[in-house]
Amino acid sequence: MSQAPDAAELTVADLLERFGPIPAHRIRHDPRPGTATEQDVVELSLHEDRLYELVDGVLVEKMMGFYESYLAIRFATLLSSFVDDHDLGIVAGADGMVRLALGLVRIPDVSFISWDRLPQRKIPRDPIADLAPDLAVEVLSKGNTKQEMARKLDDYFSAGVRLVWHLDPKTATGQCYTSATSSAIVKANESLDGGAVLPGFALPLDRLFEQPKRK
């Protein structure tokens, strides 16, 4: 693993301040917190098949339970169908790593990237795409903390993300963010609205969270 030269190791207090009471097993300690690089992110995804976000030189493992993974795939399928039908861009899944800034790698559970952000409609082939999606979707998991998700919102909108949706499996609700500090709750009997980012897209949450039935 590579390490940033002369980087100071972050203390437990530093980690708690930045990420909240995050489960200890989600923080990678090799390389030491505060010294990790994008190269480490790529090597771990290739050789250990584990996904880590990179924040302030810290590797934070991307964790999803089975149900959260199911919801992310289901949402991506419904969104991708709409995006393809209207020729709006592309949709990436839960291992689509994006570089929001130098040394800052995030992995939305689902992301939409418009053609405007893909010159000549060329899909990035690098392990980490150097772009900010138009829409980032996060399916909340048990191990996520308020501090962690608040920092993600700041990172997304600072990088140019236009819309962020949080999906909460526990309450079968959503939260629609148009900025890091402006949001609206979407209840189970309401729909997520794509607004100016995805004109015409509306997804009833009860359709997303409903129990699948055999046809």
Protein backbone atom coordinates (compact mmCIF):
# COMPACT_ATOMS: atom_id res chain seq x y z
CA MET A 1 0.00 0.00 0.00
CA SER A 2 1.16 3.51 -0.72
CA GLN A 3 1.35 6.21 1.91
CA ALA A 4 1.45 9.96 1.70
CA PRO A 5 4.88 11.22 2.82
CA ASP A 6 5.12 12.85 6.25
CA ALA A 7 1.36 12.54 6.80
CA ALA A 8 0.30 12.71 10.44
CA GLU A 9 -1.68 9.80 11.82
CA LEU A 10 -5.19 10.80 12.82
CA THR A 11 -6.25 10.10 16.38
CA VAL A 12 -9.47 8.39 17.46
CA ALA A 13 -10.77 11.81 18.50
CA ASP A 14 -10.07 13.13 14.99
CA LEU A 15 -12.00 10.25 13.43
CA LEU A 16 -14.97 10.67 15.76
CA GLU A 17 -15.11 14.39 14.99
CA ARG A 18 -15.16 13.77 11.23
CA PHE A 19 -17.30 10.64 11.00
CA GLY A 20 -19.19 10.38 14.28
CA PRO A 21 -19.41 7.11 16.25
CA ILE A 22 -18.76 5.06 13.14
CA PRO A 23 -18.21 1.30 13.68
CA ALA A 24 -14.49 0.77 14.13
CA HIS A 25 -14.33 -2.02 11.56
CA ARG A 26 -15.28 0.43 8.79
CA ILE A 27 -12.07 2.44 9.23
CA ARG A 28 -9.05 0.87 7.49
CA HIS A 29 -5.90 1.07 9.60
CA ASP A 30 -3.49 -0.19 6.93
CA PRO A 31 -2.46 2.28 5.64
CA ARG A 32 -2.76 4.45 8.75
CA PRO A 33 -5.72 6.87 8.82
CA GLY A 34 -4.54 10.15 7.35
CA THR A 35 -2.02 8.57 4.97
CA ALA A 36 -4.18 6.69 2.43
CA THR A 37 -4.24 7.59 -1.26
CA GLU A 38 -6.37 6.93 -4.33
CA GLN A 39 -3.96 4.15 -5.28
CA ASP A 40 -4.95 2.34 -2.08
CA VAL A 41 -8.63 2.64 -3.02
CA VAL A 42 -7.99 1.05 -6.41
CA GLU A 43 -5.69 -1.72 -5.11
CA LEU A 44 -8.16 -2.76 -2.41
CA SER A 45 -11.03 -2.91 -4.88
CA LEU A 46 -8.95 -5.07 -7.22
CA HIS A 47 -7.19 -7.40 -4.79
CA GLU A 48 -9.53 -7.62 -1.80
CA ASP A 49 -12.81 -6.93 -3.59
CA ARG A 50 -13.69 -4.33 -0.95
CA LEU A 51 -14.88 -0.80 -1.59
CA TYR A 52 -13.50 2.12 0.39
CA GLU A 53 -14.27 5.81 0.15
CA LEU A 54 -11.29 8.13 0.62
CA VAL A 55 -11.77 11.16 2.87
CA ASP A 56 -8.91 13.21 4.35
CA GLY A 57 -6.50 10.34 3.80
CA VAL A 58 -8.85 7.93 5.61
CA LEU A 59 -10.27 4.78 4.03
CA VAL A 60 -13.90 4.25 5.09
CA GLU A 61 -15.40 0.96 3.98
CA LYS A 62 -18.59 1.12 1.95
CA MET A 63 -21.00 -1.24 3.71
CA MET A 64 -24.39 -2.45 2.50
CA GLY A 65 -26.62 -5.18 3.84
CA PHE A 66 -28.48 -7.55 1.56
CA TYR A 67 -31.73 -5.55 1.68
CA GLU A 68 -29.96 -2.25 1.08
CA SER A 69 -28.21 -3.81 -1.92
CA TYR A 70 -31.55 -5.07 -3.25
CA LEU A 71 -33.06 -1.58 -2.95
CA ALA A 72 -30.10 0.03 -4.70
CA ILE A 73 -30.30 -2.40 -7.62
CA ARG A 74 -34.06 -2.04 -7.87
CA PHE A 75 -33.81 1.75 -7.84
CA ALA A 76 -31.00 1.74 -10.40
CA THR A 77 -33.05 -0.50 -12.70
CA LEU A 78 -36.09 1.78 -12.57
CA LEU A 79 -33.96 4.90 -13.02
CA SER A 80 -31.88 3.42 -15.83
CA SER A 81 -35.00 2.49 -17.77
CA PHE A 82 -36.22 6.10 -17.61
CA VAL A 83 -32.82 7.55 -18.46
CA ASP A 84 -32.42 5.24 -21.47
CA ASP A 85 -35.94 5.91 -22.75
CA HIS A 86 -35.32 9.67 -22.67
CA ASP A 87 -31.66 9.55 -23.77
CA LEU A 88 -30.51 11.59 -20.77
CA GLY A 89 -27.17 10.01 -19.88
CA ILE A 90 -26.01 6.99 -17.89
CA VAL A 91 -26.62 5.36 -14.51
CA ALA A 92 -23.88 3.80 -12.36
CA GLY A 93 -24.26 1.36 -9.48
CA ALA A 94 -22.88 0.84 -6.01
CA ASP A 95 -19.26 0.31 -7.07
CA GLY A 96 -19.06 3.40 -9.31
CA MET A 97 -16.22 5.38 -7.71
CA VAL A 98 -16.02 9.11 -8.45
CA ARG A 99 -13.31 11.65 -7.69
CA LEU A 100 -15.07 14.74 -6.33
CA ALA A 101 -11.79 16.53 -5.62
CA LEU A 102 -8.11 15.63 -5.38
CA GLY A 103 -7.87 12.89 -2.76
CA LEU A 104 -11.64 12.72 -2.23
CA VAL A 105 -13.32 9.56 -3.56
CA ARG A 106 -17.00 8.88 -3.00
CA ILE A 107 -19.13 5.89 -4.04
CA PRO A 108 -22.85 6.66 -4.31
CA ASP A 109 -25.12 3.63 -4.19
CA VAL A 110 -26.66 4.88 -7.44
CA SER A 111 -25.63 7.84 -9.56
CA PHE A 112 -26.95 9.55 -12.67
CA ILE A 113 -24.57 11.38 -15.01
CA SER A 114 -26.05 13.46 -17.79
CA TRP A 115 -24.58 13.59 -21.28
CA ASP A 116 -23.55 17.20 -20.56
CA ARG A 117 -20.99 15.86 -18.09
CA LEU A 118 -19.68 13.23 -20.49
CA PRO A 119 -17.94 14.98 -23.41
CA GLN A 120 -18.63 13.16 -26.70
CA ARG A 121 -20.67 10.65 -24.68
CA LYS A 122 -17.55 8.75 -23.67
CA ILE A 123 -17.95 6.70 -20.52
CA PRO A 124 -14.85 6.89 -18.25
CA ARG A 125 -12.71 3.75 -18.27
CA ASP A 126 -10.47 4.68 -15.34
CA PRO A 127 -11.18 2.87 -12.03
CA ILE A 128 -12.14 6.20 -10.47
CA ALA A 129 -14.16 8.52 -12.70
CA ASP A 130 -13.03 12.13 -12.55
CA LEU A 131 -16.50 13.69 -12.42
CA ALA A 132 -19.38 14.66 -10.18
CA PRO A 133 -22.73 13.02 -10.97
CA ASP A 134 -25.87 15.09 -11.43
CA LEU A 135 -27.72 12.86 -8.95
CA ALA A 136 -26.25 10.83 -6.09
CA VAL A 137 -28.41 8.31 -4.24
CA GLU A 138 -27.50 6.85 -0.85
CA VAL A 139 -29.36 3.91 0.69
CA LEU A 140 -28.92 4.40 4.42
CA SER A 141 -27.41 1.51 6.35
CA LYS A 142 -27.28 0.74 10.05
CA GLY A 143 -23.63 1.76 10.35
CA ASN A 144 -24.06 5.23 8.81
CA THR A 145 -23.77 8.17 11.22
CA LYS A 146 -25.27 11.66 10.98
CA GLN A 147 -21.81 13.23 10.81
CA GLU A 148 -20.76 10.87 8.02
CA MET A 149 -23.83 11.59 5.90
CA ALA A 150 -23.65 15.34 6.54
CA ARG A 151 -20.03 15.36 5.35
CA LYS A 152 -21.06 13.43 2.23
CA LEU A 153 -23.69 16.04 1.46
CA ASP A 154 -21.12 18.83 1.76
CA ASP A 155 -18.73 16.92 -0.50
CA TYR A 156 -21.37 16.19 -3.12
CA PHE A 157 -22.73 19.71 -3.44
CA SER A 158 -19.29 21.36 -3.22
CA ALA A 159 -18.25 19.22 -6.20
CA GLY A 160 -21.27 20.22 -8.31
CA VAL A 161 -23.79 17.45 -7.64
CA ARG A 162 -27.22 18.91 -8.29
CA LEU A 163 -29.45 16.55 -6.36
CA VAL A 164 -28.98 13.99 -3.56
CA TRP A 165 -31.53 11.44 -2.42
CA HIS A 166 -31.31 9.49 0.83
CA LEU A 167 -33.42 6.34 0.94
CA ASP A 168 -34.21 5.01 4.41
CA PRO A 169 -35.20 1.32 4.44
CA LYS A 170 -36.11 1.51 8.14
CA THR A 171 -38.91 4.04 7.60
CA ALA A 172 -39.57 3.40 3.89
CA THR A 173 -39.10 7.12 3.27
CA GLY A 174 -36.77 9.33 1.29
CA GLN A 175 -35.12 12.69 1.78
CA CYS A 176 -34.55 14.94 -1.21
CA TYR A 177 -31.64 17.38 -0.92
CA THR A 178 -31.25 20.31 -3.30
CA SER A 179 -28.34 21.61 -1.24
CA ALA A 180 -26.43 20.45 1.82
CA THR A 181 -28.83 22.40 4.04
CA SER A 182 -32.10 22.31 2.10
CA SER A 183 -34.19 19.14 1.96
CA ALA A 184 -37.69 17.72 1.98
CA ILE A 185 -38.98 14.45 3.39
CA VAL A 186 -40.72 12.16 0.90
CA LYS A 187 -43.18 9.88 2.66
CA ALA A 188 -44.00 6.30 1.78
CA ASN A 189 -47.16 7.30 -0.10
CA GLU A 190 -45.39 10.06 -2.05
CA SER A 191 -43.03 10.13 -5.03
CA LEU A 192 -39.44 11.15 -5.58
CA ASP A 193 -39.47 13.87 -8.24
CA GLY A 194 -36.53 14.34 -10.58
CA GLY A 195 -37.24 18.06 -11.00
CA ALA A 196 -34.88 19.91 -13.33
CA VAL A 197 -32.24 17.17 -13.02
CA LEU A 198 -34.50 14.39 -14.35
CA PRO A 199 -37.54 16.12 -15.93
CA GLY A 200 -40.56 13.87 -15.89
CA PHE A 201 -39.11 11.24 -13.56
CA ALA A 202 -41.33 10.36 -10.60
CA LEU A 203 -40.96 7.23 -8.50
CA PRO A 204 -43.63 6.32 -5.93
CA LEU A 205 -41.76 5.14 -2.84
CA ASP A 206 -44.35 2.49 -2.12
CA ARG A 207 -43.38 0.94 -5.46
CA LEU A 208 -39.72 0.90 -4.47
CA PHE A 209 -40.25 -0.48 -0.96
CA GLU A 210 -43.10 -2.87 -1.69
CA GLN A 211 -42.62 -6.58 -1.15
CA PRO A 212 -41.98 -8.30 -4.49
CA LYS A 213 -44.73 -10.63 -5.62
CA ARG A 214 -44.40 -13.57 -7.95
CA LYS A 215 -46.22 -12.88 -11.19
